[in-house]
Amino acid sequence: MADSQLGLYLIAYDIANPRRLSKVHRALKRKGLPVQYSVFTVVLKRRSLLRLLAHMEELIEPVEDDIRCYRLPEQLTVKTLGRQFFPEDVLLFTGGVNRILSSGKENEG
């Protein structure tokens, strides 16, 4: 992936200490959308993602904590079971708002 391209990432964490947990959660909340309490999606360029991960590395204790980052494909199929966190009108997308707006105009009659 080129540094200038946006990518969709899933970041999950398991932090042993409540104080570190709070710091990691706040850092991710500034950049992403929570899917569950310890799972976020972020849409970032590669350089921004690397900066975010470096910042989180400074916040954790590597022997006790675990943070994982997964790049998600552009064409994503999601199956949810149980109560969904997102309201029905919240969508995840990587093509930007312009793609959503332009596709809406095509469907207008």
PDB file of N, CA and C in Angstrom:
ATOM      1  N   MET A   1       0.835  -1.181   0.000  1.00  0.00           N
ATOM      2  CA  MET A   1       0.000   0.000   0.000  1.00  0.00           C
ATOM      3  C   MET A   1       0.881   1.246   0.000  1.00  0.00           C
ATOM      4  N   ALA A   2       0.557   2.180  -0.850  1.00  0.00           N
ATOM      5  CA  ALA A   2       1.309   3.434  -0.911  1.00  0.00           C
ATOM      6  C   ALA A   2       1.028   4.277   0.329  1.00  0.00           C
ATOM      7  N   ASP A   3       2.015   5.076   0.723  1.00  0.00           N
ATOM      8  CA  ASP A   3       1.875   5.915   1.915  1.00  0.00           C
ATOM      9  C   ASP A   3       0.717   6.907   1.796  1.00  0.00           C
ATOM     10  N   SER A   4       0.350   7.273   0.563  1.00  0.00           N
ATOM     11  CA  SER A   4      -0.689   8.287   0.375  1.00  0.00           C
ATOM     12  C   SER A   4      -2.101   7.706   0.337  1.00  0.00           C
ATOM     13  N   GLN A   5      -2.227   6.395   0.288  1.00  0.00           N
ATOM     14  CA  GLN A   5      -3.538   5.764   0.223  1.00  0.00           C
ATOM     15  C   GLN A   5      -4.127   5.558   1.617  1.00  0.00           C
ATOM     16  N   LEU A   6      -5.431   5.793   1.723  1.00  0.00           N
ATOM     17  CA  LEU A   6      -6.125   5.492   2.964  1.00  0.00           C
ATOM     18  C   LEU A   6      -6.369   3.993   3.055  1.00  0.00           C
ATOM     19  N   GLY A   7      -6.273   3.466   4.246  1.00  0.00           N
ATOM     20  CA  GLY A   7      -6.566   2.061   4.477  1.00  0.00           C
ATOM     21  C   GLY A   7      -7.485   1.919   5.674  1.00  0.00           C
ATOM     22  N   LEU A   8      -8.261   0.851   5.688  1.00  0.00           N
ATOM     23  CA  LEU A   8      -9.153   0.553   6.799  1.00  0.00           C
ATOM     24  C   LEU A   8      -8.475  -0.495   7.671  1.00  0.00           C
ATOM     25  N   TYR A   9      -8.338  -0.198   8.954  1.00  0.00           N
ATOM     26  CA  TYR A   9      -7.637  -1.085   9.884  1.00  0.00           C
ATOM     27  C   TYR A   9      -8.524  -1.388  11.083  1.00  0.00           C
ATOM     28  N   LEU A  10      -8.360  -2.575  11.602  1.00  0.00           N
ATOM     29  CA  LEU A  10      -9.002  -2.987  12.838  1.00  0.00           C
ATOM     30  C   LEU A  10      -7.909  -3.077  13.888  1.00  0.00           C
ATOM     31  N   ILE A  11      -8.075  -2.362  14.987  1.00  0.00           N
ATOM     32  CA  ILE A  11      -7.096  -2.380  16.074  1.00  0.00           C
ATOM     33  C   ILE A  11      -7.790  -2.894  17.321  1.00  0.00           C
ATOM     34  N   ALA A  12      -7.233  -3.951  17.894  1.00  0.00           N
ATOM     35  CA  ALA A  12      -7.776  -4.548  19.113  1.00  0.00           C
ATOM     36  C   ALA A  12      -6.689  -4.542  20.175  1.00  0.00           C
ATOM     37  N   TYR A  13      -7.093  -4.408  21.423  1.00  0.00           N
ATOM     38  CA  TYR A  13      -6.095  -4.360  22.484  1.00  0.00           C
ATOM     39  C   TYR A  13      -6.589  -5.043  23.745  1.00  0.00           C
ATOM     40  N   ASP A  14      -5.624  -5.515  24.518  1.00  0.00           N
ATOM     41  CA  ASP A  14      -5.854  -6.108  25.832  1.00  0.00           C
ATOM     42  C   ASP A  14      -4.777  -5.520  26.740  1.00  0.00           C
ATOM     43  N   ILE A  15      -5.183  -4.599  27.600  1.00  0.00           N
ATOM     44  CA  ILE A  15      -4.240  -3.852  28.436  1.00  0.00           C
ATOM     45  C   ILE A  15      -4.484  -4.239  29.895  1.00  0.00           C
ATOM     46  N   ALA A  16      -3.425  -4.649  30.596  1.00  0.00           N
ATOM     47  CA  ALA A  16      -3.550  -5.177  31.957  1.00  0.00           C
ATOM     48  C   ALA A  16      -3.813  -4.109  33.011  1.00  0.00           C
ATOM     49  N   ASN A  17      -3.264  -2.937  32.838  1.00  0.00           N
ATOM     50  CA  ASN A  17      -3.340  -1.884  33.848  1.00  0.00           C
ATOM     51  C   ASN A  17      -4.436  -0.881  33.480  1.00  0.00           C
ATOM     52  N   PRO A  18      -5.355  -0.571  34.416  1.00  0.00           N
ATOM     53  CA  PRO A  18      -6.454   0.356  34.096  1.00  0.00           C
ATOM     54  C   PRO A  18      -5.994   1.736  33.628  1.00  0.00           C
ATOM     55  N   ARG A  19      -4.909   2.228  34.166  1.00  0.00           N
ATOM     56  CA  ARG A  19      -4.419   3.550  33.759  1.00  0.00           C
ATOM     57  C   ARG A  19      -3.908   3.529  32.311  1.00  0.00           C
ATOM     58  N   ARG A  20      -3.136   2.496  31.970  1.00  0.00           N
ATOM     59  CA  ARG A  20      -2.653   2.355  30.586  1.00  0.00           C
ATOM     60  C   ARG A  20      -3.829   2.088  29.644  1.00  0.00           C
ATOM     61  N   LEU A  21      -4.772   1.304  30.101  1.00  0.00           N
ATOM     62  CA  LEU A  21      -5.969   1.000  29.304  1.00  0.00           C
ATOM     63  C   LEU A  21      -6.694   2.288  28.919  1.00  0.00           C
ATOM     64  N   SER A  22      -6.857   3.158  29.878  1.00  0.00           N
ATOM     65  CA  SER A  22      -7.537   4.431  29.636  1.00  0.00           C
ATOM     66  C   SER A  22      -6.769   5.281  28.624  1.00  0.00           C
ATOM     67  N   LYS A  23      -5.456   5.310  28.724  1.00  0.00           N
ATOM     68  CA  LYS A  23      -4.635   6.102  27.795  1.00  0.00           C
ATOM     69  C   LYS A  23      -4.722   5.560  26.371  1.00  0.00           C
ATOM     70  N   VAL A  24      -4.652   4.233  26.229  1.00  0.00           N
ATOM     71  CA  VAL A  24      -4.744   3.621  24.894  1.00  0.00           C
ATOM     72  C   VAL A  24      -6.127   3.879  24.307  1.00  0.00           C
ATOM     73  N   HIS A  25      -7.159   3.704  25.122  1.00  0.00           N
ATOM     74  CA  HIS A  25      -8.530   3.922  24.653  1.00  0.00           C
ATOM     75  C   HIS A  25      -8.716   5.362  24.173  1.00  0.00           C
ATOM     76  N   ARG A  26      -8.229   6.329  24.933  1.00  0.00           N
ATOM     77  CA  ARG A  26      -8.346   7.748  24.536  1.00  0.00           C
ATOM     78  C   ARG A  26      -7.580   8.026  23.244  1.00  0.00           C
ATOM     79  N   ALA A  27      -6.391   7.447  23.109  1.00  0.00           N
ATOM     80  CA  ALA A  27      -5.591   7.663  21.887  1.00  0.00           C
ATOM     81  C   ALA A  27      -6.325   7.132  20.659  1.00  0.00           C
ATOM     82  N   LEU A  28      -6.929   5.974  20.790  1.00  0.00           N
ATOM     83  CA  LEU A  28      -7.654   5.397  19.655  1.00  0.00           C
ATOM     84  C   LEU A  28      -8.968   6.124  19.386  1.00  0.00           C
ATOM     85  N   LYS A  29      -9.598   6.603  20.431  1.00  0.00           N
ATOM     86  CA  LYS A  29     -10.870   7.309  20.259  1.00  0.00           C
ATOM     87  C   LYS A  29     -10.686   8.597  19.456  1.00  0.00           C
ATOM     88  N   ARG A  30      -9.492   9.208  19.537  1.00  0.00           N
ATOM     89  CA  ARG A  30      -9.205  10.421  18.765  1.00  0.00           C
ATOM     90  C   ARG A  30      -9.062  10.119  17.275  1.00  0.00           C
ATOM     91  N   LYS A  31      -8.670   8.903  16.928  1.00  0.00           N
ATOM     92  CA  LYS A  31      -8.376   8.567  15.529  1.00  0.00           C
ATOM     93  C   LYS A  31      -9.382   7.624  14.889  1.00  0.00           C
ATOM     94  N   GLY A  32     -10.156   6.905  15.685  1.00  0.00           N
ATOM     95  CA  GLY A  32     -10.993   5.862  15.116  1.00  0.00           C
ATOM     96  C   GLY A  32     -12.393   5.809  15.676  1.00  0.00           C
ATOM     97  N   LEU A  33     -13.071   4.764  15.296  1.00  0.00           N
ATOM     98  CA  LEU A  33     -14.454   4.530  15.682  1.00  0.00           C
ATOM     99  C   LEU A  33     -14.512   3.232  16.473  1.00  0.00           C
ATOM    100  N   PRO A  34     -15.021   3.272  17.714  1.00  0.00           N
ATOM    101  CA  PRO A  34     -15.070   2.037  18.496  1.00  0.00           C
ATOM    102  C   PRO A  34     -16.116   1.074  17.944  1.00  0.00           C
ATOM    103  N   VAL A  35     -15.709  -0.169  17.792  1.00  0.00           N
ATOM    104  CA  VAL A  35     -16.618  -1.237  17.376  1.00  0.00           C
ATOM    105  C   VAL A  35     -17.121  -1.942  18.632  1.00  0.00           C
ATOM    106  N   GLN A  36     -16.217  -2.196  19.535  1.00  0.00           N
ATOM    107  CA  GLN A  36     -16.488  -2.685  20.881  1.00  0.00           C
ATOM    108  C   GLN A  36     -15.520  -1.933  21.778  1.00  0.00           C
ATOM    109  N   TYR A  37     -15.591  -2.130  23.087  1.00  0.00           N
ATOM    110  CA  TYR A  37     -14.764  -1.314  23.968  1.00  0.00           C
ATOM    111  C   TYR A  37     -13.281  -1.416  23.632  1.00  0.00           C
ATOM    112  N   SER A  38     -12.781  -2.585  23.363  1.00  0.00           N
ATOM    113  CA  SER A  38     -11.345  -2.741  23.094  1.00  0.00           C
ATOM    114  C   SER A  38     -11.036  -3.030  21.629  1.00  0.00           C
ATOM    115  N   VAL A  39     -11.952  -2.660  20.736  1.00  0.00           N
ATOM    116  CA  VAL A  39     -11.762  -2.872  19.296  1.00  0.00           C
ATOM    117  C   VAL A  39     -12.186  -1.597  18.565  1.00  0.00           C
ATOM    118  N   PHE A  40     -11.290  -1.093  17.725  1.00  0.00           N
ATOM    119  CA  PHE A  40     -11.551   0.129  16.962  1.00  0.00           C
ATOM    120  C   PHE A  40     -11.308  -0.118  15.479  1.00  0.00           C
ATOM    121  N   THR A  41     -11.985   0.643  14.649  1.00  0.00           N
ATOM    122  CA  THR A  41     -11.628   0.736  13.241  1.00  0.00           C
ATOM    123  C   THR A  41     -11.054   2.132  13.025  1.00  0.00           C
ATOM    124  N   VAL A  42     -10.036   2.211  12.206  1.00  0.00           N
ATOM    125  CA  VAL A  42      -9.445   3.494  11.835  1.00  0.00           C
ATOM    126  C   VAL A  42      -9.244   3.522  10.330  1.00  0.00           C
ATOM    127  N   VAL A  43      -9.422   4.690   9.758  1.00  0.00           N
ATOM    128  CA  VAL A  43      -9.134   4.911   8.340  1.00  0.00           C
ATOM    129  C   VAL A  43      -8.004   5.927   8.302  1.00  0.00           C
ATOM    130  N   LEU A  44      -6.820   5.444   7.937  1.00  0.00           N
ATOM    131  CA  LEU A  44      -5.622   6.281   7.977  1.00  0.00           C
ATOM    132  C   LEU A  44      -4.703   5.964   6.810  1.00  0.00           C
ATOM    133  N   LYS A  45      -3.859   6.935   6.488  1.00  0.00           N
ATOM    134  CA  LYS A  45      -2.752   6.669   5.576  1.00  0.00           C
ATOM    135  C   LYS A  45      -1.681   5.912   6.360  1.00  0.00           C
ATOM    136  N   ARG A  46      -0.830   5.207   5.643  1.00  0.00           N
ATOM    137  CA  ARG A  46       0.176   4.346   6.278  1.00  0.00           C
ATOM    138  C   ARG A  46       1.041   5.104   7.284  1.00  0.00           C
ATOM    139  N   ARG A  47       1.517   6.264   6.912  1.00  0.00           N
ATOM    140  CA  ARG A  47       2.381   7.037   7.823  1.00  0.00           C
ATOM    141  C   ARG A  47       1.649   7.419   9.110  1.00  0.00           C
ATOM    142  N   SER A  48       0.396   7.814   8.986  1.00  0.00           N
ATOM    143  CA  SER A  48      -0.396   8.159  10.168  1.00  0.00           C
ATOM    144  C   SER A  48      -0.622   6.938  11.047  1.00  0.00           C
ATOM    145  N   LEU A  49      -0.852   5.804  10.413  1.00  0.00           N
ATOM    146  CA  LEU A  49      -1.031   4.567  11.169  1.00  0.00           C
ATOM    147  C   LEU A  49       0.238   4.220  11.937  1.00  0.00           C
ATOM    148  N   LEU A  50       1.386   4.333  11.283  1.00  0.00           N
ATOM    149  CA  LEU A  50       2.655   4.028  11.945  1.00  0.00           C
ATOM    150  C   LEU A  50       2.917   4.969  13.114  1.00  0.00           C
ATOM    151  N   ARG A  51       2.558   6.248  12.949  1.00  0.00           N
ATOM    152  CA  ARG A  51       2.696   7.197  14.066  1.00  0.00           C
ATOM    153  C   ARG A  51       1.777   6.819  15.227  1.00  0.00           C
ATOM    154  N   LEU A  52       0.550   6.436  14.920  1.00  0.00           N
ATOM    155  CA  LEU A  52      -0.394   6.028  15.957  1.00  0.00           C
ATOM    156  C   LEU A  52       0.119   4.793  16.698  1.00  0.00           C
ATOM    157  N   LEU A  53       0.602   3.812  15.967  1.00  0.00           N
ATOM    158  CA  LEU A  53       1.118   2.592  16.599  1.00  0.00           C
ATOM    159  C   LEU A  53       2.362   2.890  17.440  1.00  0.00           C
ATOM    160  N   ALA A  54       3.211   3.785  16.968  1.00  0.00           N
ATOM    161  CA  ALA A  54       4.397   4.158  17.745  1.00  0.00           C
ATOM    162  C   ALA A  54       3.988   4.849  19.042  1.00  0.00           C
ATOM    163  N   HIS A  55       2.975   5.702  18.961  1.00  0.00           N
ATOM    164  CA  HIS A  55       2.480   6.379  20.159  1.00  0.00           C
ATOM    165  C   HIS A  55       1.906   5.365  21.154  1.00  0.00           C
ATOM    166  N   MET A  56       1.147   4.409  20.654  1.00  0.00           N
ATOM    167  CA  MET A  56       0.563   3.402  21.546  1.00  0.00           C
ATOM    168  C   MET A  56       1.650   2.509  22.154  1.00  0.00           C
ATOM    169  N   GLU A  57       2.715   2.282  21.399  1.00  0.00           N
ATOM    170  CA  GLU A  57       3.827   1.489  21.926  1.00  0.00           C
ATOM    171  C   GLU A  57       4.467   2.182  23.130  1.00  0.00           C
ATOM    172  N   GLU A  58       4.487   3.508  23.109  1.00  0.00           N
ATOM    173  CA  GLU A  58       5.016   4.270  24.246  1.00  0.00           C
ATOM    174  C   GLU A  58       4.107   4.177  25.476  1.00  0.00           C
ATOM    175  N   LEU A  59       2.822   3.923  25.252  1.00  0.00           N
ATOM    176  CA  LEU A  59       1.852   3.899  26.345  1.00  0.00           C
ATOM    177  C   LEU A  59       1.757   2.559  27.073  1.00  0.00           C
ATOM    178  N   ILE A  60       2.184   1.480  26.428  1.00  0.00           N
ATOM    179  CA  ILE A  60       1.949   0.152  26.989  1.00  0.00           C
ATOM    180  C   ILE A  60       3.193  -0.431  27.658  1.00  0.00           C
ATOM    181  N   GLU A  61       2.969  -1.510  28.369  1.00  0.00           N
ATOM    182  CA  GLU A  61       4.037  -2.347  28.929  1.00  0.00           C
ATOM    183  C   GLU A  61       4.045  -3.625  28.096  1.00  0.00           C
ATOM    184  N   PRO A  62       5.029  -3.811  27.202  1.00  0.00           N
ATOM    185  CA  PRO A  62       5.005  -4.920  26.249  1.00  0.00           C
ATOM    186  C   PRO A  62       4.910  -6.315  26.888  1.00  0.00           C
ATOM    187  N   VAL A  63       5.403  -6.469  28.095  1.00  0.00           N
ATOM    188  CA  VAL A  63       5.361  -7.783  28.746  1.00  0.00           C
ATOM    189  C   VAL A  63       3.939  -8.119  29.223  1.00  0.00           C
ATOM    190  N   GLU A  64       3.137  -7.084  29.516  1.00  0.00           N
ATOM    191  CA  GLU A  64       1.806  -7.288  30.083  1.00  0.00           C
ATOM    192  C   GLU A  64       0.663  -7.008  29.107  1.00  0.00           C
ATOM    193  N   ASP A  65       0.883  -6.164  28.114  1.00  0.00           N
ATOM    194  CA  ASP A  65      -0.189  -5.682  27.250  1.00  0.00           C
ATOM    195  C   ASP A  65      -0.061  -6.239  25.837  1.00  0.00           C
ATOM    196  N   ASP A  66      -1.177  -6.151  25.096  1.00  0.00           N
ATOM    197  CA  ASP A  66      -1.208  -6.676  23.734  1.00  0.00           C
ATOM    198  C   ASP A  66      -2.057  -5.748  22.867  1.00  0.00           C
ATOM    199  N   ILE A  67      -1.467  -5.256  21.774  1.00  0.00           N
ATOM    200  CA  ILE A  67      -2.199  -4.472  20.787  1.00  0.00           C
ATOM    201  C   ILE A  67      -1.969  -5.125  19.436  1.00  0.00           C
ATOM    202  N   ARG A  68      -3.058  -5.300  18.690  1.00  0.00           N
ATOM    203  CA  ARG A  68      -2.964  -5.919  17.363  1.00  0.00           C
ATOM    204  C   ARG A  68      -3.653  -5.025  16.337  1.00  0.00           C
ATOM    205  N   CYS A  69      -3.044  -4.918  15.172  1.00  0.00           N
ATOM    206  CA  CYS A  69      -3.582  -4.097  14.090  1.00  0.00           C
ATOM    207  C   CYS A  69      -3.693  -4.951  12.832  1.00  0.00           C
ATOM    208  N   TYR A  70      -4.882  -4.989  12.252  1.00  0.00           N
ATOM    209  CA  TYR A  70      -5.142  -5.782  11.049  1.00  0.00           C
ATOM    210  C   TYR A  70      -5.658  -4.873   9.946  1.00  0.00           C
ATOM    211  N   ARG A  71      -5.052  -4.959   8.775  1.00  0.00           N
ATOM    212  CA  ARG A  71      -5.566  -4.226   7.612  1.00  0.00           C
ATOM    213  C   ARG A  71      -6.759  -4.993   7.080  1.00  0.00           C
ATOM    214  N   LEU A  72      -7.868  -4.290   6.865  1.00  0.00           N
ATOM    215  CA  LEU A  72      -9.073  -4.915   6.339  1.00  0.00           C
ATOM    216  C   LEU A  72      -9.154  -4.680   4.834  1.00  0.00           C
ATOM    217  N   PRO A  73      -9.692  -5.641   4.101  1.00  0.00           N
ATOM    218  CA  PRO A  73      -9.807  -5.465   2.652  1.00  0.00           C
ATOM    219  C   PRO A  73     -10.841  -4.391   2.310  1.00  0.00           C
ATOM    220  N   GLU A  74     -10.708  -3.810   1.115  1.00  0.00           N
ATOM    221  CA  GLU A  74     -11.657  -2.772   0.691  1.00  0.00           C
ATOM    222  C   GLU A  74     -13.054  -3.339   0.523  1.00  0.00           C
ATOM    223  N   GLN A  75     -13.164  -4.532  -0.030  1.00  0.00           N
ATOM    224  CA  GLN A  75     -14.458  -5.196  -0.175  1.00  0.00           C
ATOM    225  C   GLN A  75     -14.628  -6.102   1.030  1.00  0.00           C
ATOM    226  N   LEU A  76     -15.364  -5.638   2.007  1.00  0.00           N
ATOM    227  CA  LEU A  76     -15.454  -6.310   3.291  1.00  0.00           C
ATOM    228  C   LEU A  76     -16.869  -6.820   3.531  1.00  0.00           C
ATOM    229  N   THR A  77     -16.992  -8.094   3.860  1.00  0.00           N
ATOM    230  CA  THR A  77     -18.266  -8.663   4.262  1.00  0.00           C
ATOM    231  C   THR A  77     -18.206  -8.889   5.760  1.00  0.00           C
ATOM    232  N   VAL A  78     -19.194  -8.355   6.465  1.00  0.00           N
ATOM    233  CA  VAL A  78     -19.219  -8.456   7.919  1.00  0.00           C
ATOM    234  C   VAL A  78     -20.487  -9.168   8.343  1.00  0.00           C
ATOM    235  N   LYS A  79     -20.349 -10.122   9.211  1.00  0.00           N
ATOM    236  CA  LYS A  79     -21.491 -10.819   9.802  1.00  0.00           C
ATOM    237  C   LYS A  79     -21.497 -10.503  11.283  1.00  0.00           C
ATOM    238  N   THR A  80     -22.583  -9.947  11.780  1.00  0.00           N
ATOM    239  CA  THR A  80     -22.682  -9.626  13.198  1.00  0.00           C
ATOM    240  C   THR A  80     -23.738 -10.514  13.840  1.00  0.00           C
ATOM    241  N   LEU A  81     -23.475 -10.904  15.059  1.00  0.00           N
ATOM    242  CA  LEU A  81     -24.417 -11.678  15.848  1.00  0.00           C
ATOM    243  C   LEU A  81     -24.674 -10.914  17.134  1.00  0.00           C
ATOM    244  N   GLY A  82     -25.859 -10.977  17.641  1.00  0.00           N
ATOM    245  CA  GLY A  82     -26.164 -10.287  18.883  1.00  0.00           C
ATOM    246  C   GLY A  82     -26.407  -8.812  18.664  1.00  0.00           C
ATOM    247  N   ARG A  83     -26.292  -8.060  19.724  1.00  0.00           N
ATOM    248  CA  ARG A  83     -26.562  -6.624  19.700  1.00  0.00           C
ATOM    249  C   ARG A  83     -25.466  -5.900  18.943  1.00  0.00           C
ATOM    250  N   GLN A  84     -25.852  -5.096  17.975  1.00  0.00           N
ATOM    251  CA  GLN A  84     -24.900  -4.341  17.175  1.00  0.00           C
ATOM    252  C   GLN A  84     -24.611  -3.016  17.850  1.00  0.00           C
ATOM    253  N   PHE A  85     -23.331  -2.645  17.906  1.00  0.00           N
ATOM    254  CA  PHE A  85     -22.913  -1.399  18.559  1.00  0.00           C
ATOM    255  C   PHE A  85     -23.302  -0.173  17.739  1.00  0.00           C
ATOM    256  N   PHE A  86     -23.137  -0.256  16.416  1.00  0.00           N
ATOM    257  CA  PHE A  86     -23.420   0.889  15.566  1.00  0.00           C
ATOM    258  C   PHE A  86     -24.919   1.036  15.341  1.00  0.00           C
ATOM    259  N   PRO A  87     -25.409   2.272  15.338  1.00  0.00           N
ATOM    260  CA  PRO A  87     -26.797   2.481  14.903  1.00  0.00           C
ATOM    261  C   PRO A  87     -26.930   2.067  13.438  1.00  0.00           C
ATOM    262  N   GLU A  88     -28.134   1.791  13.015  1.00  0.00           N
ATOM    263  CA  GLU A  88     -28.392   1.322  11.644  1.00  0.00           C
ATOM    264  C   GLU A  88     -27.841   2.274  10.586  1.00  0.00           C
ATOM    265  N   ASP A  89     -27.815   3.597  10.857  1.00  0.00           N
ATOM    266  CA  ASP A  89     -27.413   4.563   9.843  1.00  0.00           C
ATOM    267  C   ASP A  89     -25.914   4.852   9.816  1.00  0.00           C
ATOM    268  N   VAL A  90     -25.105   4.153  10.611  1.00  0.00           N
ATOM    269  CA  VAL A  90     -23.657   4.342  10.607  1.00  0.00           C
ATOM    270  C   VAL A  90     -23.032   3.341   9.654  1.00  0.00           C
ATOM    271  N   LEU A  91     -22.215   3.833   8.716  1.00  0.00           N
ATOM    272  CA  LEU A  91     -21.558   2.984   7.718  1.00  0.00           C
ATOM    273  C   LEU A  91     -20.049   3.111   7.856  1.00  0.00           C
ATOM    274  N   LEU A  92     -19.329   2.030   7.589  1.00  0.00           N
ATOM    275  CA  LEU A  92     -17.873   2.070   7.493  1.00  0.00           C
ATOM    276  C   LEU A  92     -17.511   2.071   6.018  1.00  0.00           C
ATOM    277  N   PHE A  93     -16.637   3.000   5.603  1.00  0.00           N
ATOM    278  CA  PHE A  93     -16.220   3.050   4.209  1.00  0.00           C
ATOM    279  C   PHE A  93     -14.825   3.628   4.132  1.00  0.00           C
ATOM    280  N   THR A  94     -14.119   3.310   3.033  1.00  0.00           N
ATOM    281  CA  THR A  94     -12.772   3.835   2.866  1.00  0.00           C
ATOM    282  C   THR A  94     -12.652   4.786   1.685  1.00  0.00           C
ATOM    283  N   GLY A  95     -13.677   4.888   0.855  1.00  0.00           N
ATOM    284  CA  GLY A  95     -13.587   5.722  -0.338  1.00  0.00           C
ATOM    285  C   GLY A  95     -13.858   7.189  -0.100  1.00  0.00           C
ATOM    286  N   GLY A  96     -14.206   7.567   1.104  1.00  0.00           N
ATOM    287  CA  GLY A  96     -14.448   8.955   1.421  1.00  0.00           C
ATOM    288  C   GLY A  96     -15.898   9.355   1.242  1.00  0.00           C
ATOM    289  N   VAL A  97     -16.240  10.489   1.826  1.00  0.00           N
ATOM    290  CA  VAL A  97     -17.610  10.984   1.777  1.00  0.00           C
ATOM    291  C   VAL A  97     -18.031  11.274   0.344  1.00  0.00           C
ATOM    292  N   ASN A  98     -17.121  11.742  -0.488  1.00  0.00           N
ATOM    293  CA  ASN A  98     -17.476  12.066  -1.869  1.00  0.00           C
ATOM    294  C   ASN A  98     -18.015  10.855  -2.610  1.00  0.00           C
ATOM    295  N   ARG A  99     -17.453   9.665  -2.331  1.00  0.00           N
ATOM    296  CA  ARG A  99     -17.946   8.453  -2.981  1.00  0.00           C
ATOM    297  C   ARG A  99     -19.388   8.185  -2.560  1.00  0.00           C
ATOM    298  N   ILE A 100     -19.675   8.346  -1.278  1.00  0.00           N
ATOM    299  CA  ILE A 100     -21.025   8.113  -0.777  1.00  0.00           C
ATOM    300  C   ILE A 100     -21.990   9.142  -1.385  1.00  0.00           C
ATOM    301  N   LEU A 101     -21.584  10.412  -1.399  1.00  0.00           N
ATOM    302  CA  LEU A 101     -22.449  11.457  -1.937  1.00  0.00           C
ATOM    303  C   LEU A 101     -22.696  11.279  -3.425  1.00  0.00           C
ATOM    304  N   SER A 102     -21.648  10.936  -4.178  1.00  0.00           N
ATOM    305  CA  SER A 102     -21.821  10.788  -5.623  1.00  0.00           C
ATOM    306  C   SER A 102     -22.663   9.561  -5.949  1.00  0.00           C
ATOM    307  N   SER A 103     -22.550   8.489  -5.172  1.00  0.00           N
ATOM    308  CA  SER A 103     -23.371   7.317  -5.441  1.00  0.00           C
ATOM    309  C   SER A 103     -24.831   7.601  -5.112  1.00  0.00           C
ATOM    310  N   GLY A 104     -25.076   8.481  -4.140  1.00  0.00           N
ATOM    311  CA  GLY A 104     -26.445   8.865  -3.805  1.00  0.00           C
ATOM    312  C   GLY A 104     -27.089   9.680  -4.917  1.00  0.00           C
ATOM    313  N   LYS A 105     -26.298  10.537  -5.583  1.00  0.00           N
ATOM    314  CA  LYS A 105     -26.810  11.365  -6.677  1.00  0.00           C
ATOM    315  C   LYS A 105     -27.185  10.512  -7.885  1.00  0.00           C
ATOM    316  N   GLU A 106     -26.415   9.440  -8.111  1.00  0.00           N
ATOM    317  CA  GLU A 106     -26.711   8.557  -9.237  1.00  0.00           C
ATOM    318  C   GLU A 106     -28.051   7.864  -9.053  1.00  0.00           C
ATOM    319  N   ASN A 107     -28.423   7.618  -7.804  1.00  0.00           N
ATOM    320  CA  ASN A 107     -29.664   6.900  -7.533  1.00  0.00           C
ATOM    321  C   ASN A 107     -30.879   7.824  -7.503  1.00  0.00           C
ATOM    322  N   GLU A 108     -30.655   9.146  -7.520  1.00  0.00           N
ATOM    323  CA  GLU A 108     -31.779  10.076  -7.523  1.00  0.00           C
ATOM    324  C   GLU A 108     -32.400  10.109  -8.910  1.00  0.00           C
ATOM    325  N   GLY A 109     -33.702  10.321  -8.954  1.00  0.00           N
ATOM    326  CA  GLY A 109     -34.330  10.247 -10.250  1.00  0.00           C
ATOM    327  C   GLY A 109     -34.830  11.520 -10.711  1.00  0.00           C
TER     328      GLY A 109
END
